[in-house]
Each structure stands twice: as structure tokens, then as C-alpha cells.
Amino acid sequence: MKKTKFTTEMLVFTGFMIALAVVLSKLVSINISFLRIGFGFLPIAVLAILYGPYVAAIGYGIADLLGAWLFPTGTFFPGFTVSAVLTGLIFGWVLYKKEVTFVRALIASALVCLIVNLLLNTWWLTFIIGKGFNVLIASRAIKEIVAIPIMALLIVAIDKAVLKRIKGSSQPVPASE
């Protein structure tokens, strides 16, 4: 396994993506009872595409901890940090060092929405609010199924609009003659 070389640029960009994930998760999200519609996954998908699963996982874990500390909503529950780390890992495993196509983004989104958001996060919620898993999963399933193609479209759009430029700009500049 090849070790990733951490550069100053990579650390600064990762820090910026973590801050953006906190803002998009906590301040630019729609909260309806036990459902939250947010865009905090986008900076993490960017980290996953550029730097891989481990940077994305650590980044989303840090973003979740910072968000819980800076903008607390109820009691902190570490299970959601585990979910954030798993989200970064899944995005990285599916999207890193591969062409970001709609199908690939759809697979990553489906895995995150169905495994992490629907199953795991619903299980965490049963500990917090005390309702049964079956009661919660029914209402959350519709939101997650609708979210899958939307997430995939946003990931592809970000890749095409922004990341193609970032990836292209990291080429060495030729020496002037």
C-alpha cells in the first residue's frame, strides 16, 4: 500500500473542506423532527475524490465533532461520528482515483444513503429518542431513496464544475524560457 504524502496544500484544503462541511451540515440544512436534509456530504465527496477514503473519513469525523461542539443540537452521540467516518470511507472507496461518472456517484450515494443514513443512523436514533427501529425507518426510507439520485447529481456536478479545474491546475508549471 502506497503511503499518501501530506503537503501543506493538502492540509489547508482539507481544513477548508472540513469547515465547509460543518457550515453546510449545521447552518445550511433543513431539520424536520428526526429528518435532516443537508449538503455536508459535498465537501467530503470532494476530499474523497481528491485524496482518498482515509482523508475523507478523518475529515468527516473531525467535521462531525466540530459541528457537535460549535453548534450543539441535543446530546452528543458518538454513533453519528462513526457514521460520518464510514461515509468518508465509502465515498473514497468508490470515487478515489476513478472517473466520476453518474453511475459511480449513484453507487456511492446509494451505499451511503441506504447503509449509513438509513440503517445505521436510524439505529442510532432509536437509542436517542427511544422509538422503535421499524417506526423510524419507514419515515426515513422515503427521504433516503429520494436523496440517492440528488446526491449523485450534485457529486457529478461538483466534479465537472470544480474538481476538473483543480485536478488540471495541479500540473507543474513549465519553466519559462
Foldseek 3Di string as FASTA:
>chain_A
DDDDDDDPVLVVLLVVLLVVLLCQQQPVWDDDPLDIGTDSCQSLLVCLAPPALQSSLVSQLVSLVVSCVVPNDPDDDCLVSVLSSVLSNLSNVQRYPDDLDLVSQLVSLLCSLVVRVQPSVLVVVCVVVVDDSVVVNVVSVVVSVVVRSVRSVSNVVCCVPPVVVVVVVPDDDDDDD
